Amino acid sequence: MELVRLREQNRWWDSLDALNTDLHLRAVADAPFPMIHPAEKTINLTQDRLYILRGPRQVGKTTILKKFIRKLITSEEADPRSIFYFAFDIAGLRDAAEVKDAVISYIEWARSFPIKNR
């Protein structure tokens, strides 16, 4: 998969300002009250684990993920290139082979940087 397609959804690789202009994060920032999903309290980002976040449409899954991304990059000072986000549904991927290609493309690109964890 072309790196440009991966960069479209991972704009923080090139500029941390992308976190300030992200539509999901702007909506949370502009909300009249704090929006904290229960999953945010139970997922521990310091553990080396794989989490699967699933649920119906429009319940906040993407927003939670982007809040975690912002926290990792700003608070924990993680290398922005160590975080790979990809919304497979909006990318138009057709099958498991294309999903695999996207993940492998990221891994091969990220290997060129001295990143401890991905």
PDB file of N, CA and C in Angstrom:
ATOM      1  N   MET A   1       0.845  -1.179   0.000  1.00  0.00           N
ATOM      2  CA  MET A   1       0.000   0.000   0.000  1.00  0.00           C
ATOM      3  C   MET A   1       0.886   1.235   0.000  1.00  0.00           C
ATOM      4  N   GLU A   2       0.461   2.254  -0.689  1.00  0.00           N
ATOM      5  CA  GLU A   2       1.220   3.488  -0.770  1.00  0.00           C
ATOM      6  C   GLU A   2       1.228   4.201   0.577  1.00  0.00           C
ATOM      7  N   LEU A   3       2.387   4.707   0.934  1.00  0.00           N
ATOM      8  CA  LEU A   3       2.535   5.405   2.207  1.00  0.00           C
ATOM      9  C   LEU A   3       1.632   6.628   2.286  1.00  0.00           C
ATOM     10  N   VAL A   4       1.354   7.247   1.166  1.00  0.00           N
ATOM     11  CA  VAL A   4       0.492   8.428   1.168  1.00  0.00           C
ATOM     12  C   VAL A   4      -0.906   8.088   1.697  1.00  0.00           C
ATOM     13  N   ARG A   5      -1.395   6.899   1.425  1.00  0.00           N
ATOM     14  CA  ARG A   5      -2.713   6.492   1.950  1.00  0.00           C
ATOM     15  C   ARG A   5      -2.664   6.309   3.451  1.00  0.00           C
ATOM     16  N   LEU A   6      -1.544   5.835   3.971  1.00  0.00           N
ATOM     17  CA  LEU A   6      -1.408   5.674   5.419  1.00  0.00           C
ATOM     18  C   LEU A   6      -1.278   7.038   6.095  1.00  0.00           C
ATOM     19  N   ARG A   7      -0.542   7.932   5.471  1.00  0.00           N
ATOM     20  CA  ARG A   7      -0.341   9.270   6.030  1.00  0.00           C
ATOM     21  C   ARG A   7      -1.637  10.065   6.113  1.00  0.00           C
ATOM     22  N   GLU A   8      -2.573   9.809   5.216  1.00  0.00           N
ATOM     23  CA  GLU A   8      -3.845  10.526   5.234  1.00  0.00           C
ATOM     24  C   GLU A   8      -4.561  10.368   6.567  1.00  0.00           C
ATOM     25  N   GLN A   9      -4.421   9.205   7.187  1.00  0.00           N
ATOM     26  CA  GLN A   9      -5.109   8.948   8.453  1.00  0.00           C
ATOM     27  C   GLN A   9      -4.193   9.088   9.662  1.00  0.00           C
ATOM     28  N   ASN A  10      -2.931   9.355   9.428  1.00  0.00           N
ATOM     29  CA  ASN A  10      -1.948   9.489  10.508  1.00  0.00           C
ATOM     30  C   ASN A  10      -1.185  10.801  10.336  1.00  0.00           C
ATOM     31  N   ARG A  11      -1.917  11.884  10.276  1.00  0.00           N
ATOM     32  CA  ARG A  11      -1.317  13.188   9.976  1.00  0.00           C
ATOM     33  C   ARG A  11      -0.325  13.645  11.042  1.00  0.00           C
ATOM     34  N   TRP A  12      -0.396  13.108  12.249  1.00  0.00           N
ATOM     35  CA  TRP A  12       0.533  13.470  13.320  1.00  0.00           C
ATOM     36  C   TRP A  12       1.939  12.976  13.025  1.00  0.00           C
ATOM     37  N   TRP A  13       2.118  12.067  12.058  1.00  0.00           N
ATOM     38  CA  TRP A  13       3.467  11.650  11.671  1.00  0.00           C
ATOM     39  C   TRP A  13       4.260  12.837  11.155  1.00  0.00           C
ATOM     40  N   ASP A  14       3.591  13.755  10.492  1.00  0.00           N
ATOM     41  CA  ASP A  14       4.266  14.898   9.881  1.00  0.00           C
ATOM     42  C   ASP A  14       4.183  16.166  10.717  1.00  0.00           C
ATOM     43  N   SER A  15       3.109  16.310  11.495  1.00  0.00           N
ATOM     44  CA  SER A  15       2.928  17.532  12.270  1.00  0.00           C
ATOM     45  C   SER A  15       2.016  17.267  13.466  1.00  0.00           C
ATOM     46  N   LEU A  16       2.486  17.629  14.646  1.00  0.00           N
ATOM     47  CA  LEU A  16       1.663  17.457  15.839  1.00  0.00           C
ATOM     48  C   LEU A  16       0.462  18.399  15.829  1.00  0.00           C
ATOM     49  N   ASP A  17       0.519  19.446  15.031  1.00  0.00           N
ATOM     50  CA  ASP A  17      -0.625  20.346  14.899  1.00  0.00           C
ATOM     51  C   ASP A  17      -1.847  19.625  14.339  1.00  0.00           C
ATOM     52  N   ALA A  18      -1.630  18.517  13.672  1.00  0.00           N
ATOM     53  CA  ALA A  18      -2.747  17.746  13.116  1.00  0.00           C
ATOM     54  C   ALA A  18      -3.689  17.282  14.222  1.00  0.00           C
ATOM     55  N   LEU A  19      -3.165  17.084  15.415  1.00  0.00           N
ATOM     56  CA  LEU A  19      -4.016  16.685  16.535  1.00  0.00           C
ATOM     57  C   LEU A  19      -4.981  17.806  16.924  1.00  0.00           C
ATOM     58  N   ASN A  20      -4.569  19.049  16.724  1.00  0.00           N
ATOM     59  CA  ASN A  20      -5.415  20.190  17.073  1.00  0.00           C
ATOM     60  C   ASN A  20      -6.513  20.434  16.053  1.00  0.00           C
ATOM     61  N   THR A  21      -6.332  19.932  14.849  1.00  0.00           N
ATOM     62  CA  THR A  21      -7.318  20.169  13.799  1.00  0.00           C
ATOM     63  C   THR A  21      -8.156  18.934  13.478  1.00  0.00           C
ATOM     64  N   ASP A  22      -7.902  17.835  14.153  1.00  0.00           N
ATOM     65  CA  ASP A  22      -8.668  16.610  13.917  1.00  0.00           C
ATOM     66  C   ASP A  22     -10.140  16.836  14.279  1.00  0.00           C
ATOM     67  N   LEU A  23     -11.022  16.425  13.396  1.00  0.00           N
ATOM     68  CA  LEU A  23     -12.460  16.672  13.604  1.00  0.00           C
ATOM     69  C   LEU A  23     -12.993  16.021  14.877  1.00  0.00           C
ATOM     70  N   HIS A  24     -12.576  14.805  15.157  1.00  0.00           N
ATOM     71  CA  HIS A  24     -13.065  14.102  16.349  1.00  0.00           C
ATOM     72  C   HIS A  24     -12.570  14.777  17.627  1.00  0.00           C
ATOM     73  N   LEU A  25     -11.296  15.143  17.641  1.00  0.00           N
ATOM     74  CA  LEU A  25     -10.745  15.785  18.830  1.00  0.00           C
ATOM     75  C   LEU A  25     -11.284  17.201  19.009  1.00  0.00           C
ATOM     76  N   ARG A  26     -11.568  17.893  17.926  1.00  0.00           N
ATOM     77  CA  ARG A  26     -12.171  19.227  18.022  1.00  0.00           C
ATOM     78  C   ARG A  26     -13.571  19.137  18.620  1.00  0.00           C
ATOM     79  N   ALA A  27     -14.329  18.122  18.216  1.00  0.00           N
ATOM     80  CA  ALA A  27     -15.684  17.958  18.747  1.00  0.00           C
ATOM     81  C   ALA A  27     -15.655  17.749  20.259  1.00  0.00           C
ATOM     82  N   VAL A  28     -14.702  16.961  20.739  1.00  0.00           N
ATOM     83  CA  VAL A  28     -14.568  16.733  22.178  1.00  0.00           C
ATOM     84  C   VAL A  28     -14.166  18.030  22.880  1.00  0.00           C
ATOM     85  N   ALA A  29     -13.225  18.739  22.301  1.00  0.00           N
ATOM     86  CA  ALA A  29     -12.761  19.993  22.916  1.00  0.00           C
ATOM     87  C   ALA A  29     -13.865  21.044  22.962  1.00  0.00           C
ATOM     88  N   ASP A  30     -14.729  21.050  21.974  1.00  0.00           N
ATOM     89  CA  ASP A  30     -15.795  22.044  21.909  1.00  0.00           C
ATOM     90  C   ASP A  30     -17.060  21.640  22.671  1.00  0.00           C
ATOM     91  N   ALA A  31     -17.080  20.443  23.217  1.00  0.00           N
ATOM     92  CA  ALA A  31     -18.272  19.975  23.934  1.00  0.00           C
ATOM     93  C   ALA A  31     -18.495  20.822  25.185  1.00  0.00           C
ATOM     94  N   PRO A  32     -19.738  21.049  25.550  1.00  0.00           N
ATOM     95  CA  PRO A  32     -20.024  21.886  26.720  1.00  0.00           C
ATOM     96  C   PRO A  32     -19.723  21.199  28.060  1.00  0.00           C
ATOM     97  N   PHE A  33     -19.437  19.918  28.022  1.00  0.00           N
ATOM     98  CA  PHE A  33     -19.112  19.181  29.238  1.00  0.00           C
ATOM     99  C   PHE A  33     -18.052  18.140  28.896  1.00  0.00           C
ATOM    100  N   PRO A  34     -17.286  17.677  29.890  1.00  0.00           N
ATOM    101  CA  PRO A  34     -16.246  16.683  29.612  1.00  0.00           C
ATOM    102  C   PRO A  34     -16.857  15.373  29.103  1.00  0.00           C
ATOM    103  N   MET A  35     -16.271  14.847  28.046  1.00  0.00           N
ATOM    104  CA  MET A  35     -16.757  13.585  27.483  1.00  0.00           C
ATOM    105  C   MET A  35     -15.715  12.508  27.758  1.00  0.00           C
ATOM    106  N   ILE A  36     -16.034  11.625  28.699  1.00  0.00           N
ATOM    107  CA  ILE A  36     -15.123  10.532  29.040  1.00  0.00           C
ATOM    108  C   ILE A  36     -15.895   9.226  28.940  1.00  0.00           C
ATOM    109  N   HIS A  37     -15.478   8.407  28.029  1.00  0.00           N
ATOM    110  CA  HIS A  37     -16.119   7.115  27.822  1.00  0.00           C
ATOM    111  C   HIS A  37     -15.575   6.130  28.854  1.00  0.00           C
ATOM    112  N   PRO A  38     -16.402   5.206  29.365  1.00  0.00           N
ATOM    113  CA  PRO A  38     -15.926   4.232  30.360  1.00  0.00           C
ATOM    114  C   PRO A  38     -14.708   3.426  29.894  1.00  0.00           C
ATOM    115  N   ALA A  39     -14.601   3.175  28.600  1.00  0.00           N
ATOM    116  CA  ALA A  39     -13.452   2.415  28.082  1.00  0.00           C
ATOM    117  C   ALA A  39     -12.144   3.164  28.314  1.00  0.00           C
ATOM    118  N   GLU A  40     -12.198   4.482  28.343  1.00  0.00           N
ATOM    119  CA  GLU A  40     -10.990   5.269  28.573  1.00  0.00           C
ATOM    120  C   GLU A  40     -10.388   5.003  29.943  1.00  0.00           C
ATOM    121  N   LYS A  41     -11.225   4.625  30.883  1.00  0.00           N
ATOM    122  CA  LYS A  41     -10.758   4.369  32.247  1.00  0.00           C
ATOM    123  C   LYS A  41     -10.228   2.953  32.422  1.00  0.00           C
ATOM    124  N   THR A  42     -10.587   2.039  31.525  1.00  0.00           N
ATOM    125  CA  THR A  42     -10.204   0.638  31.715  1.00  0.00           C
ATOM    126  C   THR A  42      -9.026   0.194  30.853  1.00  0.00           C
ATOM    127  N   ILE A  43      -8.732   0.920  29.794  1.00  0.00           N
ATOM    128  CA  ILE A  43      -7.623   0.540  28.924  1.00  0.00           C
ATOM    129  C   ILE A  43      -6.347   1.161  29.457  1.00  0.00           C
ATOM    130  N   ASN A  44      -5.361   0.315  29.713  1.00  0.00           N
ATOM    131  CA  ASN A  44      -4.082   0.743  30.263  1.00  0.00           C
ATOM    132  C   ASN A  44      -3.053   0.749  29.131  1.00  0.00           C
ATOM    133  N   LEU A  45      -2.663   1.926  28.688  1.00  0.00           N
ATOM    134  CA  LEU A  45      -1.751   2.041  27.558  1.00  0.00           C
ATOM    135  C   LEU A  45      -0.311   1.675  27.881  1.00  0.00           C
ATOM    136  N   THR A  46       0.004   1.489  29.162  1.00  0.00           N
ATOM    137  CA  THR A  46       1.376   1.142  29.529  1.00  0.00           C
ATOM    138  C   THR A  46       1.645  -0.348  29.402  1.00  0.00           C
ATOM    139  N   GLN A  47       0.609  -1.135  29.219  1.00  0.00           N
ATOM    140  CA  GLN A  47       0.783  -2.584  29.086  1.00  0.00           C
ATOM    141  C   GLN A  47       0.906  -2.961  27.617  1.00  0.00           C
ATOM    142  N   ASP A  48       1.747  -3.931  27.347  1.00  0.00           N
ATOM    143  CA  ASP A  48       1.959  -4.404  25.985  1.00  0.00           C
ATOM    144  C   ASP A  48       0.860  -5.396  25.636  1.00  0.00           C
ATOM    145  N   ARG A  49      -0.243  -4.846  25.154  1.00  0.00           N
ATOM    146  CA  ARG A  49      -1.412  -5.663  24.852  1.00  0.00           C
ATOM    147  C   ARG A  49      -2.062  -5.190  23.573  1.00  0.00           C
ATOM    148  N   LEU A  50      -2.898  -6.050  23.053  1.00  0.00           N
ATOM    149  CA  LEU A  50      -3.710  -5.705  21.900  1.00  0.00           C
ATOM    150  C   LEU A  50      -5.136  -5.536  22.393  1.00  0.00           C
ATOM    151  N   TYR A  51      -5.710  -4.390  22.109  1.00  0.00           N
ATOM    152  CA  TYR A  51      -7.085  -4.126  22.490  1.00  0.00           C
ATOM    153  C   TYR A  51      -7.937  -4.046  21.234  1.00  0.00           C
ATOM    154  N   ILE A  52      -9.114  -4.579  21.316  1.00  0.00           N
ATOM    155  CA  ILE A  52     -10.071  -4.491  20.222  1.00  0.00           C
ATOM    156  C   ILE A  52     -11.234  -3.656  20.721  1.00  0.00           C
ATOM    157  N   LEU A  53     -11.475  -2.587  20.034  1.00  0.00           N
ATOM    158  CA  LEU A  53     -12.555  -1.684  20.406  1.00  0.00           C
ATOM    159  C   LEU A  53     -13.634  -1.823  19.343  1.00  0.00           C
ATOM    160  N   ARG A  54     -14.784  -2.314  19.751  1.00  0.00           N
ATOM    161  CA  ARG A  54     -15.849  -2.529  18.779  1.00  0.00           C
ATOM    162  C   ARG A  54     -17.171  -2.063  19.360  1.00  0.00           C
ATOM    163  N   GLY A  55     -18.115  -1.855  18.483  1.00  0.00           N
ATOM    164  CA  GLY A  55     -19.425  -1.403  18.915  1.00  0.00           C
ATOM    165  C   GLY A  55     -20.195  -0.842  17.742  1.00  0.00           C
ATOM    166  N   PRO A  56     -21.418  -0.431  17.998  1.00  0.00           N
ATOM    167  CA  PRO A  56     -22.247   0.125  16.928  1.00  0.00           C
ATOM    168  C   PRO A  56     -21.638   1.417  16.375  1.00  0.00           C
ATOM    169  N   ARG A  57     -22.158   1.813  15.253  1.00  0.00           N
ATOM    170  CA  ARG A  57     -21.708   3.065  14.635  1.00  0.00           C
ATOM    171  C   ARG A  57     -22.048   4.259  15.537  1.00  0.00           C
ATOM    172  N   GLN A  58     -21.169   5.251  15.480  1.00  0.00           N
ATOM    173  CA  GLN A  58     -21.412   6.542  16.116  1.00  0.00           C
ATOM    174  C   GLN A  58     -21.513   6.515  17.643  1.00  0.00           C
ATOM    175  N   VAL A  59     -20.773   5.600  18.290  1.00  0.00           N
ATOM    176  CA  VAL A  59     -20.790   5.589  19.757  1.00  0.00           C
ATOM    177  C   VAL A  59     -19.505   6.166  20.358  1.00  0.00           C
ATOM    178  N   GLY A  60     -18.538   6.535  19.498  1.00  0.00           N
ATOM    179  CA  GLY A  60     -17.324   7.179  19.994  1.00  0.00           C
ATOM    180  C   GLY A  60     -16.052   6.368  19.914  1.00  0.00           C
ATOM    181  N   LYS A  61     -16.040   5.266  19.184  1.00  0.00           N
ATOM    182  CA  LYS A  61     -14.837   4.423  19.103  1.00  0.00           C
ATOM    183  C   LYS A  61     -13.645   5.191  18.532  1.00  0.00           C
ATOM    184  N   THR A  62     -13.848   5.873  17.422  1.00  0.00           N
ATOM    185  CA  THR A  62     -12.766   6.631  16.789  1.00  0.00           C
ATOM    186  C   THR A  62     -12.304   7.756  17.695  1.00  0.00           C
ATOM    187  N   THR A  63     -13.228   8.431  18.335  1.00  0.00           N
ATOM    188  CA  THR A  63     -12.867   9.533  19.227  1.00  0.00           C
ATOM    189  C   THR A  63     -12.015   9.029  20.383  1.00  0.00           C
ATOM    190  N   ILE A  64     -12.385   7.902  20.973  1.00  0.00           N
ATOM    191  CA  ILE A  64     -11.589   7.326  22.062  1.00  0.00           C
ATOM    192  C   ILE A  64     -10.176   7.016  21.580  1.00  0.00           C
ATOM    193  N   LEU A  65     -10.069   6.383  20.425  1.00  0.00           N
ATOM    194  CA  LEU A  65      -8.746   6.041  19.896  1.00  0.00           C
ATOM    195  C   LEU A  65      -7.902   7.292  19.669  1.00  0.00           C
ATOM    196  N   LYS A  66      -8.497   8.318  19.111  1.00  0.00           N
ATOM    197  CA  LYS A  66      -7.736   9.538  18.846  1.00  0.00           C
ATOM    198  C   LYS A  66      -7.367  10.268  20.134  1.00  0.00           C
ATOM    199  N   LYS A  67      -8.196  10.169  21.159  1.00  0.00           N
ATOM    200  CA  LYS A  67      -7.829  10.737  22.453  1.00  0.00           C
ATOM    201  C   LYS A  67      -6.639   9.989  23.041  1.00  0.00           C
ATOM    202  N   PHE A  68      -6.621   8.672  22.880  1.00  0.00           N
ATOM    203  CA  PHE A  68      -5.471   7.878  23.333  1.00  0.00           C
ATOM    204  C   PHE A  68      -4.213   8.261  22.551  1.00  0.00           C
ATOM    205  N   ILE A  69      -4.360   8.433  21.250  1.00  0.00           N
ATOM    206  CA  ILE A  69      -3.220   8.817  20.420  1.00  0.00           C
ATOM    207  C   ILE A  69      -2.651  10.150  20.891  1.00  0.00           C
ATOM    208  N   ARG A  70      -3.540  11.121  21.093  1.00  0.00           N
ATOM    209  CA  ARG A  70      -3.089  12.433  21.567  1.00  0.00           C
ATOM    210  C   ARG A  70      -2.383  12.305  22.912  1.00  0.00           C
ATOM    211  N   LYS A  71      -2.936  11.508  23.809  1.00  0.00           N
ATOM    212  CA  LYS A  71      -2.325  11.328  25.131  1.00  0.00           C
ATOM    213  C   LYS A  71      -0.939  10.700  25.010  1.00  0.00           C
ATOM    214  N   LEU A  72      -0.821   9.674  24.186  1.00  0.00           N
ATOM    215  CA  LEU A  72       0.476   9.024  24.025  1.00  0.00           C
ATOM    216  C   LEU A  72       1.524   9.975  23.459  1.00  0.00           C
ATOM    217  N   ILE A  73       1.126  10.759  22.484  1.00  0.00           N
ATOM    218  CA  ILE A  73       2.091  11.642  21.834  1.00  0.00           C
ATOM    219  C   ILE A  73       2.446  12.839  22.712  1.00  0.00           C
ATOM    220  N   THR A  74       1.471  13.433  23.374  1.00  0.00           N
ATOM    221  CA  THR A  74       1.728  14.656  24.134  1.00  0.00           C
ATOM    222  C   THR A  74       2.158  14.391  25.579  1.00  0.00           C
ATOM    223  N   SER A  75       1.481  13.502  26.262  1.00  0.00           N
ATOM    224  CA  SER A  75       1.787  13.261  27.675  1.00  0.00           C
ATOM    225  C   SER A  75       2.922  12.271  27.862  1.00  0.00           C
ATOM    226  N   GLU A  76       2.891  11.211  27.097  1.00  0.00           N
ATOM    227  CA  GLU A  76       3.869  10.148  27.274  1.00  0.00           C
ATOM    228  C   GLU A  76       5.087  10.351  26.380  1.00  0.00           C
ATOM    229  N   GLU A  77       5.008  11.344  25.509  1.00  0.00           N
ATOM    230  CA  GLU A  77       6.089  11.665  24.605  1.00  0.00           C
ATOM    231  C   GLU A  77       6.495  10.495  23.714  1.00  0.00           C
ATOM    232  N   ALA A  78       5.517   9.759  23.238  1.00  0.00           N
ATOM    233  CA  ALA A  78       5.782   8.670  22.296  1.00  0.00           C
ATOM    234  C   ALA A  78       6.117   9.266  20.938  1.00  0.00           C
ATOM    235  N   ASP A  79       6.937   8.582  20.206  1.00  0.00           N
ATOM    236  CA  ASP A  79       7.249   9.002  18.844  1.00  0.00           C
ATOM    237  C   ASP A  79       5.960   8.916  18.027  1.00  0.00           C
ATOM    238  N   PRO A  80       5.526  10.001  17.404  1.00  0.00           N
ATOM    239  CA  PRO A  80       4.279   9.970  16.627  1.00  0.00           C
ATOM    240  C   PRO A  80       4.256   8.875  15.563  1.00  0.00           C
ATOM    241  N   ARG A  81       5.426   8.534  15.037  1.00  0.00           N
ATOM    242  CA  ARG A  81       5.493   7.496  14.000  1.00  0.00           C
ATOM    243  C   ARG A  81       5.299   6.095  14.572  1.00  0.00           C
ATOM    244  N   SER A  82       5.294   5.986  15.905  1.00  0.00           N
ATOM    245  CA  SER A  82       5.105   4.679  16.533  1.00  0.00           C
ATOM    246  C   SER A  82       3.633   4.294  16.625  1.00  0.00           C
ATOM    247  N   ILE A  83       2.765   5.226  16.274  1.00  0.00           N
ATOM    248  CA  ILE A  83       1.324   4.999  16.403  1.00  0.00           C
ATOM    249  C   ILE A  83       0.704   4.927  15.017  1.00  0.00           C
ATOM    250  N   PHE A  84       0.062   3.810  14.754  1.00  0.00           N
ATOM    251  CA  PHE A  84      -0.568   3.578  13.455  1.00  0.00           C
ATOM    252  C   PHE A  84      -2.066   3.456  13.642  1.00  0.00           C
ATOM    253  N   TYR A  85      -2.789   4.380  13.056  1.00  0.00           N
ATOM    254  CA  TYR A  85      -4.251   4.364  13.067  1.00  0.00           C
ATOM    255  C   TYR A  85      -4.709   4.178  11.633  1.00  0.00           C
ATOM    256  N   PHE A  86      -5.678   3.303  11.453  1.00  0.00           N
ATOM    257  CA  PHE A  86      -6.202   3.119  10.102  1.00  0.00           C
ATOM    258  C   PHE A  86      -7.651   2.679  10.189  1.00  0.00           C
ATOM    259  N   ALA A  87      -8.535   3.501   9.665  1.00  0.00           N
ATOM    260  CA  ALA A  87      -9.961   3.165   9.629  1.00  0.00           C
ATOM    261  C   ALA A  87     -10.209   2.369   8.352  1.00  0.00           C
ATOM    262  N   PHE A  88     -10.263   1.088   8.501  1.00  0.00           N
ATOM    263  CA  PHE A  88     -10.383   0.208   7.333  1.00  0.00           C
ATOM    264  C   PHE A  88     -11.704   0.402   6.607  1.00  0.00           C
ATOM    265  N   ASP A  89     -12.734   0.772   7.329  1.00  0.00           N
ATOM    266  CA  ASP A  89     -14.037   0.929   6.680  1.00  0.00           C
ATOM    267  C   ASP A  89     -14.074   2.111   5.721  1.00  0.00           C
ATOM    268  N   ILE A  90     -13.412   3.208   6.068  1.00  0.00           N
ATOM    269  CA  ILE A  90     -13.452   4.361   5.174  1.00  0.00           C
ATOM    270  C   ILE A  90     -12.353   4.323   4.117  1.00  0.00           C
ATOM    271  N   ALA A  91     -11.405   3.415   4.272  1.00  0.00           N
ATOM    272  CA  ALA A  91     -10.303   3.332   3.313  1.00  0.00           C
ATOM    273  C   ALA A  91     -10.680   2.531   2.069  1.00  0.00           C
ATOM    274  N   GLY A  92     -11.818   1.857   2.122  1.00  0.00           N
ATOM    275  CA  GLY A  92     -12.261   1.108   0.955  1.00  0.00           C
ATOM    276  C   GLY A  92     -11.506  -0.180   0.716  1.00  0.00           C
ATOM    277  N   LEU A  93     -10.956  -0.754   1.773  1.00  0.00           N
ATOM    278  CA  LEU A  93     -10.257  -2.027   1.604  1.00  0.00           C
ATOM    279  C   LEU A  93     -11.274  -3.127   1.379  1.00  0.00           C
ATOM    280  N   ARG A  94     -10.947  -4.032   0.471  1.00  0.00           N
ATOM    281  CA  ARG A  94     -11.933  -5.030   0.056  1.00  0.00           C
ATOM    282  C   ARG A  94     -11.801  -6.387   0.723  1.00  0.00           C
ATOM    283  N   ASP A  95     -10.600  -6.728   1.167  1.00  0.00           N
ATOM    284  CA  ASP A  95     -10.435  -8.077   1.712  1.00  0.00           C
ATOM    285  C   ASP A  95      -9.257  -8.127   2.688  1.00  0.00           C
ATOM    286  N   ALA A  96      -9.056  -9.300   3.276  1.00  0.00           N
ATOM    287  CA  ALA A  96      -8.006  -9.483   4.279  1.00  0.00           C
ATOM    288  C   ALA A  96      -6.616  -9.224   3.703  1.00  0.00           C
ATOM    289  N   ALA A  97      -6.417  -9.517   2.443  1.00  0.00           N
ATOM    290  CA  ALA A  97      -5.111  -9.283   1.822  1.00  0.00           C
ATOM    291  C   ALA A  97      -4.771  -7.796   1.799  1.00  0.00           C
ATOM    292  N   GLU A  98      -5.752  -6.952   1.550  1.00  0.00           N
ATOM    293  CA  GLU A  98      -5.513  -5.508   1.541  1.00  0.00           C
ATOM    294  C   GLU A  98      -5.262  -4.974   2.953  1.00  0.00           C
ATOM    295  N   VAL A  99      -5.934  -5.543   3.938  1.00  0.00           N
ATOM    296  CA  VAL A  99      -5.677  -5.169   5.332  1.00  0.00           C
ATOM    297  C   VAL A  99      -4.242  -5.546   5.696  1.00  0.00           C
ATOM    298  N   LYS A 100      -3.857  -6.747   5.346  1.00  0.00           N
ATOM    299  CA  LYS A 100      -2.493  -7.218   5.618  1.00  0.00           C
ATOM    300  C   LYS A 100      -1.477  -6.303   4.939  1.00  0.00           C
ATOM    301  N   ASP A 101      -1.740  -5.918   3.704  1.00  0.00           N
ATOM    302  CA  ASP A 101      -0.838  -5.045   2.965  1.00  0.00           C
ATOM    303  C   ASP A 101      -0.677  -3.695   3.670  1.00  0.00           C
ATOM    304  N   ALA A 102      -1.761  -3.145   4.199  1.00  0.00           N
ATOM    305  CA  ALA A 102      -1.694  -1.869   4.910  1.00  0.00           C
ATOM    306  C   ALA A 102      -0.818  -1.979   6.158  1.00  0.00           C
ATOM    307  N   VAL A 103      -1.012  -3.039   6.919  1.00  0.00           N
ATOM    308  CA  VAL A 103      -0.240  -3.228   8.151  1.00  0.00           C
ATOM    309  C   VAL A 103       1.231  -3.463   7.833  1.00  0.00           C
ATOM    310  N   ILE A 104       1.517  -4.279   6.853  1.00  0.00           N
ATOM    311  CA  ILE A 104       2.908  -4.554   6.474  1.00  0.00           C
ATOM    312  C   ILE A 104       3.580  -3.291   5.943  1.00  0.00           C
ATOM    313  N   SER A 105       2.864  -2.491   5.180  1.00  0.00           N
ATOM    314  CA  SER A 105       3.428  -1.237   4.674  1.00  0.00           C
ATOM    315  C   SER A 105       3.839  -0.333   5.824  1.00  0.00           C
ATOM    316  N   TYR A 106       2.991  -0.246   6.847  1.00  0.00           N
ATOM    317  CA  TYR A 106       3.341   0.571   8.010  1.00  0.00           C
ATOM    318  C   TYR A 106       4.573   0.006   8.712  1.00  0.00           C
ATOM    319  N   ILE A 107       4.585  -1.284   8.966  1.00  0.00           N
ATOM    320  CA  ILE A 107       5.704  -1.900   9.694  1.00  0.00           C
ATOM    321  C   ILE A 107       7.015  -1.686   8.948  1.00  0.00           C
ATOM    322  N   GLU A 108       7.009  -1.878   7.651  1.00  0.00           N
ATOM    323  CA  GLU A 108       8.229  -1.691   6.863  1.00  0.00           C
ATOM    324  C   GLU A 108       8.691  -0.232   6.912  1.00  0.00           C
ATOM    325  N   TRP A 109       7.766   0.698   6.827  1.00  0.00           N
ATOM    326  CA  TRP A 109       8.129   2.112   6.909  1.00  0.00           C
ATOM    327  C   TRP A 109       8.659   2.454   8.298  1.00  0.00           C
ATOM    328  N   ALA A 110       7.978   1.997   9.343  1.00  0.00           N
ATOM    329  CA  ALA A 110       8.354   2.344  10.718  1.00  0.00           C
ATOM    330  C   ALA A 110       9.705   1.745  11.123  1.00  0.00           C
ATOM    331  N   ARG A 111      10.092   0.647  10.501  1.00  0.00           N
ATOM    332  CA  ARG A 111      11.382   0.028  10.814  1.00  0.00           C
ATOM    333  C   ARG A 111      12.550   0.933  10.478  1.00  0.00           C
ATOM    334  N   SER A 112      12.348   1.922   9.638  1.00  0.00           N
ATOM    335  CA  SER A 112      13.438   2.809   9.253  1.00  0.00           C
ATOM    336  C   SER A 112      13.741   3.864  10.327  1.00  0.00           C
ATOM    337  N   PHE A 113      12.966   3.868  11.406  1.00  0.00           N
ATOM    338  CA  PHE A 113      13.150   4.828  12.495  1.00  0.00           C
ATOM    339  C   PHE A 113      13.510   4.073  13.772  1.00  0.00           C
ATOM    340  N   PRO A 114      14.286   4.733  14.650  1.00  0.00           N
ATOM    341  CA  PRO A 114      14.649   4.082  15.926  1.00  0.00           C
ATOM    342  C   PRO A 114      13.483   4.158  16.924  1.00  0.00           C
ATOM    343  N   ILE A 115      12.444   3.403  16.659  1.00  0.00           N
ATOM    344  CA  ILE A 115      11.255   3.399  17.503  1.00  0.00           C
ATOM    345  C   ILE A 115      11.278   2.146  18.356  1.00  0.00           C
ATOM    346  N   LYS A 116      11.128   2.340  19.659  1.00  0.00           N
ATOM    347  CA  LYS A 116      11.173   1.188  20.574  1.00  0.00           C
ATOM    348  C   LYS A 116       9.906   0.352  20.469  1.00  0.00           C
ATOM    349  N   ASN A 117       8.765   0.969  20.621  1.00  0.00           N
ATOM    350  CA  ASN A 117       7.487   0.260  20.583  1.00  0.00           C
ATOM    351  C   ASN A 117       6.615   0.831  19.479  1.00  0.00           C
ATOM    352  N   ARG A 118       5.838  -0.047  18.884  1.00  0.00           N
ATOM    353  CA  ARG A 118       4.900   0.393  17.851  1.00  0.00           C
ATOM    354  C   ARG A 118       3.530  -0.046  18.265  1.00  0.00           C
TER     355      ARG A 118
END
